[in-house]
Amino acid sequence: MQVLDARDGQILRLLQEDSRISNADLAEKVGMSASALWRRVRTLEETGVIERYGAVVNAPAMGLGFHAIVHVHLTRHDPEKLAEFIRAVELSPLVQECYATTGQSDYHLRVLAPDLEAYNRFLEDFLFRLPAVASAQTNVVLRTIKRDCPVVP
């Protein structure tokens, strides 16, 4: 684990707000020379603190208006069936995120679909056909309160 200082935190916050900020503008905002800033950012990338850069996409603007959190219960934790479940979830374009957790559910999926009908097809034709899946409970997202928050040290 890399020890981060306040300046690293400032750099990370600014890059998470706008990953397209120029090196010169970022250097000016954190009070460093462009070359020193470039070395810092490079170190953050090389040590894995910065995993990647990307864009935040508006799902409803792309026609993905149905958003759900799905709590999945497995039948048993057979390693082969579990590996099949994980592979299938990784390949599904509707599954945006998947977390293995403690508690009542084994996995939590964040799913985006065009509409309720498409989501129902996802359940019937995909999720419930996976041998490891015993049941699933859906919570429909009514409104997003907070998302894509910067990770700060």
C-alpha atoms as a PDB file:
ATOM      1  CA  MET A   1       0.000   0.000   0.000  1.00  0.00           C
ATOM      2  CA  GLN A   2       1.346   3.374  -1.010  1.00  0.00           C
ATOM      3  CA  VAL A   3       1.363   6.146   1.587  1.00  0.00           C
ATOM      4  CA  LEU A   4      -0.481   9.124   0.134  1.00  0.00           C
ATOM      5  CA  ASP A   5      -0.007  12.694   1.237  1.00  0.00           C
ATOM      6  CA  ALA A   6      -2.382  15.647   1.011  1.00  0.00           C
ATOM      7  CA  ARG A   7      -1.109  16.619  -2.437  1.00  0.00           C
ATOM      8  CA  ASP A   8      -1.757  13.085  -3.747  1.00  0.00           C
ATOM      9  CA  GLY A   9      -5.265  13.341  -2.337  1.00  0.00           C
ATOM     10  CA  GLN A  10      -5.787  16.641  -4.114  1.00  0.00           C
ATOM     11  CA  ILE A  11      -4.528  15.193  -7.403  1.00  0.00           C
ATOM     12  CA  LEU A  12      -6.805  12.152  -7.071  1.00  0.00           C
ATOM     13  CA  ARG A  13      -9.852  14.264  -6.231  1.00  0.00           C
ATOM     14  CA  LEU A  14      -9.305  16.528  -9.245  1.00  0.00           C
ATOM     15  CA  LEU A  15      -8.687  13.610 -11.627  1.00  0.00           C
ATOM     16  CA  GLN A  16     -11.853  11.872 -10.416  1.00  0.00           C
ATOM     17  CA  GLU A  17     -13.843  15.043 -11.038  1.00  0.00           C
ATOM     18  CA  ASP A  18     -12.392  15.476 -14.542  1.00  0.00           C
ATOM     19  CA  SER A  19     -10.082  12.819 -15.938  1.00  0.00           C
ATOM     20  CA  ARG A  20      -9.593  14.901 -19.069  1.00  0.00           C
ATOM     21  CA  ILE A  21      -7.975  17.811 -17.224  1.00  0.00           C
ATOM     22  CA  SER A  22      -4.703  18.771 -18.850  1.00  0.00           C
ATOM     23  CA  ASN A  23      -1.440  18.129 -17.050  1.00  0.00           C
ATOM     24  CA  ALA A  24      -0.736  21.874 -17.047  1.00  0.00           C
ATOM     25  CA  ASP A  25      -4.128  22.758 -15.521  1.00  0.00           C
ATOM     26  CA  LEU A  26      -3.816  20.015 -12.925  1.00  0.00           C
ATOM     27  CA  ALA A  27      -0.300  21.153 -12.010  1.00  0.00           C
ATOM     28  CA  GLU A  28      -1.516  24.727 -11.588  1.00  0.00           C
ATOM     29  CA  LYS A  29      -4.430  23.674  -9.365  1.00  0.00           C
ATOM     30  CA  VAL A  30      -2.204  21.677  -7.012  1.00  0.00           C
ATOM     31  CA  GLY A  31       0.693  24.155  -7.083  1.00  0.00           C
ATOM     32  CA  MET A  32       3.333  21.987  -8.723  1.00  0.00           C
ATOM     33  CA  SER A  33       5.448  22.120 -11.843  1.00  0.00           C
ATOM     34  CA  ALA A  34       4.039  20.159 -14.764  1.00  0.00           C
ATOM     35  CA  SER A  35       6.974  17.735 -14.765  1.00  0.00           C
ATOM     36  CA  ALA A  36       6.750  17.053 -11.012  1.00  0.00           C
ATOM     37  CA  LEU A  37       3.004  16.529 -11.307  1.00  0.00           C
ATOM     38  CA  TRP A  38       3.451  14.153 -14.251  1.00  0.00           C
ATOM     39  CA  ARG A  39       5.885  12.051 -12.165  1.00  0.00           C
ATOM     40  CA  ARG A  40       3.385  11.949  -9.267  1.00  0.00           C
ATOM     41  CA  VAL A  41       0.509  10.890 -11.489  1.00  0.00           C
ATOM     42  CA  ARG A  42       2.723   8.277 -13.161  1.00  0.00           C
ATOM     43  CA  THR A  43       3.624   6.839  -9.730  1.00  0.00           C
ATOM     44  CA  LEU A  44      -0.075   6.714  -8.768  1.00  0.00           C
ATOM     45  CA  GLU A  45      -0.764   4.805 -11.991  1.00  0.00           C
ATOM     46  CA  GLU A  46       2.197   2.420 -11.637  1.00  0.00           C
ATOM     47  CA  THR A  47       1.370   1.548  -8.019  1.00  0.00           C
ATOM     48  CA  GLY A  48      -2.245   0.805  -8.929  1.00  0.00           C
ATOM     49  CA  VAL A  49      -3.793   3.671  -6.972  1.00  0.00           C
ATOM     50  CA  ILE A  50      -5.169   4.921 -10.290  1.00  0.00           C
ATOM     51  CA  GLU A  51      -6.610   1.871 -12.022  1.00  0.00           C
ATOM     52  CA  ARG A  52      -7.958   3.544 -15.160  1.00  0.00           C
ATOM     53  CA  TYR A  53      -9.537   6.665 -16.590  1.00  0.00           C
ATOM     54  CA  GLY A  54     -13.067   6.819 -17.921  1.00  0.00           C
ATOM     55  CA  ALA A  55     -16.261   8.679 -18.654  1.00  0.00           C
ATOM     56  CA  VAL A  56     -19.451   8.802 -16.579  1.00  0.00           C
ATOM     57  CA  VAL A  57     -22.338   7.818 -18.831  1.00  0.00           C
ATOM     58  CA  ASN A  58     -25.986   8.744 -18.295  1.00  0.00           C
ATOM     59  CA  ALA A  59     -27.760   5.357 -18.512  1.00  0.00           C
ATOM     60  CA  PRO A  60     -31.314   6.704 -19.090  1.00  0.00           C
ATOM     61  CA  ALA A  61     -30.004   8.891 -21.934  1.00  0.00           C
ATOM     62  CA  MET A  62     -28.786   5.642 -23.537  1.00  0.00           C
ATOM     63  CA  GLY A  63     -32.189   3.989 -23.181  1.00  0.00           C
ATOM     64  CA  LEU A  64     -31.365   2.090 -19.996  1.00  0.00           C
ATOM     65  CA  GLY A  65     -34.160   3.380 -17.789  1.00  0.00           C
ATOM     66  CA  PHE A  66     -34.656   0.345 -15.522  1.00  0.00           C
ATOM     67  CA  HIS A  67     -32.200   0.154 -12.632  1.00  0.00           C
ATOM     68  CA  ALA A  68     -32.282  -2.560  -9.972  1.00  0.00           C
ATOM     69  CA  ILE A  69     -30.265  -4.041  -7.152  1.00  0.00           C
ATOM     70  CA  VAL A  70     -30.634  -7.824  -7.171  1.00  0.00           C
ATOM     71  CA  HIS A  71     -29.912  -9.881  -4.062  1.00  0.00           C
ATOM     72  CA  VAL A  72     -28.927 -13.389  -5.156  1.00  0.00           C
ATOM     73  CA  HIS A  73     -29.066 -16.511  -2.993  1.00  0.00           C
ATOM     74  CA  LEU A  74     -27.131 -19.552  -4.147  1.00  0.00           C
ATOM     75  CA  THR A  75     -28.283 -23.140  -3.802  1.00  0.00           C
ATOM     76  CA  ARG A  76     -24.927 -24.281  -2.509  1.00  0.00           C
ATOM     77  CA  HIS A  77     -21.357 -23.177  -2.790  1.00  0.00           C
ATOM     78  CA  ASP A  78     -20.190 -25.879  -5.170  1.00  0.00           C
ATOM     79  CA  PRO A  79     -16.920 -24.483  -6.618  1.00  0.00           C
ATOM     80  CA  GLU A  80     -17.783 -25.477 -10.183  1.00  0.00           C
ATOM     81  CA  LYS A  81     -21.293 -23.977 -10.078  1.00  0.00           C
ATOM     82  CA  LEU A  82     -19.965 -20.867  -8.344  1.00  0.00           C
ATOM     83  CA  ALA A  83     -17.311 -20.379 -11.035  1.00  0.00           C
ATOM     84  CA  GLU A  84     -20.020 -20.761 -13.694  1.00  0.00           C
ATOM     85  CA  PHE A  85     -22.167 -18.136 -11.936  1.00  0.00           C
ATOM     86  CA  ILE A  86     -19.266 -15.684 -11.717  1.00  0.00           C
ATOM     87  CA  ARG A  87     -18.287 -16.179 -15.381  1.00  0.00           C
ATOM     88  CA  ALA A  88     -21.878 -15.642 -16.519  1.00  0.00           C
ATOM     89  CA  VAL A  89     -22.277 -12.484 -14.435  1.00  0.00           C
ATOM     90  CA  GLU A  90     -18.987 -11.097 -15.744  1.00  0.00           C
ATOM     91  CA  LEU A  91     -20.175 -11.625 -19.327  1.00  0.00           C
ATOM     92  CA  SER A  92     -23.677 -10.187 -18.897  1.00  0.00           C
ATOM     93  CA  PRO A  93     -23.935  -6.692 -20.392  1.00  0.00           C
ATOM     94  CA  LEU A  94     -26.862  -5.862 -18.074  1.00  0.00           C
ATOM     95  CA  VAL A  95     -24.882  -6.530 -14.883  1.00  0.00           C
ATOM     96  CA  GLN A  96     -22.956  -3.373 -14.084  1.00  0.00           C
ATOM     97  CA  GLU A  97     -21.516  -4.470 -10.753  1.00  0.00           C
ATOM     98  CA  CYS A  98     -21.420  -7.641  -8.678  1.00  0.00           C
ATOM     99  CA  TYR A  99     -20.405  -7.983  -5.042  1.00  0.00           C
ATOM    100  CA  ALA A 100     -19.946 -11.107  -2.930  1.00  0.00           C
ATOM    101  CA  THR A 101     -21.088 -10.128   0.559  1.00  0.00           C
ATOM    102  CA  THR A 102     -21.804 -11.359   4.016  1.00  0.00           C
ATOM    103  CA  GLY A 103     -25.363 -11.400   5.293  1.00  0.00           C
ATOM    104  CA  GLN A 104     -28.564 -12.921   3.970  1.00  0.00           C
ATOM    105  CA  SER A 105     -27.648 -12.756   0.278  1.00  0.00           C
ATOM    106  CA  ASP A 106     -24.572 -14.289  -1.278  1.00  0.00           C
ATOM    107  CA  TYR A 107     -24.234 -11.757  -4.108  1.00  0.00           C
ATOM    108  CA  HIS A 108     -25.588  -8.326  -4.949  1.00  0.00           C
ATOM    109  CA  LEU A 109     -25.891  -7.250  -8.576  1.00  0.00           C
ATOM    110  CA  ARG A 110     -26.509  -3.782  -9.945  1.00  0.00           C
ATOM    111  CA  VAL A 111     -28.458  -4.249 -13.158  1.00  0.00           C
ATOM    112  CA  LEU A 112     -29.383  -1.768 -15.896  1.00  0.00           C
ATOM    113  CA  ALA A 113     -31.974  -2.694 -18.529  1.00  0.00           C
ATOM    114  CA  PRO A 114     -34.052  -0.775 -21.061  1.00  0.00           C
ATOM    115  CA  ASP A 115     -37.321  -1.520 -19.271  1.00  0.00           C
ATOM    116  CA  LEU A 116     -39.181  -3.929 -16.997  1.00  0.00           C
ATOM    117  CA  GLU A 117     -39.798  -6.373 -19.828  1.00  0.00           C
ATOM    118  CA  ALA A 118     -36.084  -6.603 -20.632  1.00  0.00           C
ATOM    119  CA  TYR A 119     -35.307  -7.033 -16.948  1.00  0.00           C
ATOM    120  CA  ASN A 120     -37.848  -9.859 -16.719  1.00  0.00           C
ATOM    121  CA  ARG A 121     -36.117 -11.569 -19.670  1.00  0.00           C
ATOM    122  CA  PHE A 122     -32.809 -11.139 -17.834  1.00  0.00           C
ATOM    123  CA  LEU A 123     -34.264 -12.965 -14.826  1.00  0.00           C
ATOM    124  CA  GLU A 124     -36.017 -15.742 -16.738  1.00  0.00           C
ATOM    125  CA  ASP A 125     -33.574 -16.355 -19.574  1.00  0.00           C
ATOM    126  CA  PHE A 126     -30.331 -15.688 -17.725  1.00  0.00           C
ATOM    127  CA  LEU A 127     -30.240 -15.504 -13.940  1.00  0.00           C
ATOM    128  CA  PHE A 128     -32.728 -18.234 -13.046  1.00  0.00           C
ATOM    129  CA  ARG A 129     -31.133 -20.618 -15.556  1.00  0.00           C
ATOM    130  CA  LEU A 130     -27.822 -20.578 -13.705  1.00  0.00           C
ATOM    131  CA  PRO A 131     -27.634 -23.817 -11.686  1.00  0.00           C
ATOM    132  CA  ALA A 132     -26.101 -22.111  -8.637  1.00  0.00           C
ATOM    133  CA  VAL A 133     -28.953 -19.605  -8.239  1.00  0.00           C
ATOM    134  CA  ALA A 134     -31.618 -20.592  -5.718  1.00  0.00           C
ATOM    135  CA  SER A 135     -33.501 -17.308  -5.650  1.00  0.00           C
ATOM    136  CA  ALA A 136     -33.217 -13.583  -6.204  1.00  0.00           C
ATOM    137  CA  GLN A 137     -34.901 -10.567  -4.704  1.00  0.00           C
ATOM    138  CA  THR A 138     -35.131  -7.365  -6.709  1.00  0.00           C
ATOM    139  CA  ASN A 139     -35.083  -3.850  -5.338  1.00  0.00           C
ATOM    140  CA  VAL A 140     -35.996  -1.348  -8.059  1.00  0.00           C
ATOM    141  CA  VAL A 141     -34.024   1.883  -7.863  1.00  0.00           C
ATOM    142  CA  LEU A 142     -36.548   4.721  -7.755  1.00  0.00           C
ATOM    143  CA  ARG A 143     -34.077   7.580  -7.562  1.00  0.00           C
ATOM    144  CA  THR A 144     -30.322   7.914  -7.334  1.00  0.00           C
ATOM    145  CA  ILE A 145     -29.247   9.968  -4.353  1.00  0.00           C
ATOM    146  CA  LYS A 146     -25.471   9.616  -4.499  1.00  0.00           C
ATOM    147  CA  ARG A 147     -23.140   7.946  -6.990  1.00  0.00           C
ATOM    148  CA  ASP A 148     -19.664   8.131  -8.445  1.00  0.00           C
ATOM    149  CA  CYS A 149     -18.175   9.796  -5.377  1.00  0.00           C
ATOM    150  CA  PRO A 150     -14.464  10.460  -5.383  1.00  0.00           C
ATOM    151  CA  VAL A 151     -12.397   8.005  -3.378  1.00  0.00           C
ATOM    152  CA  VAL A 152     -10.236  10.082  -1.062  1.00  0.00           C
ATOM    153  CA  PRO A 153      -7.319   9.005   1.146  1.00  0.00           C
END
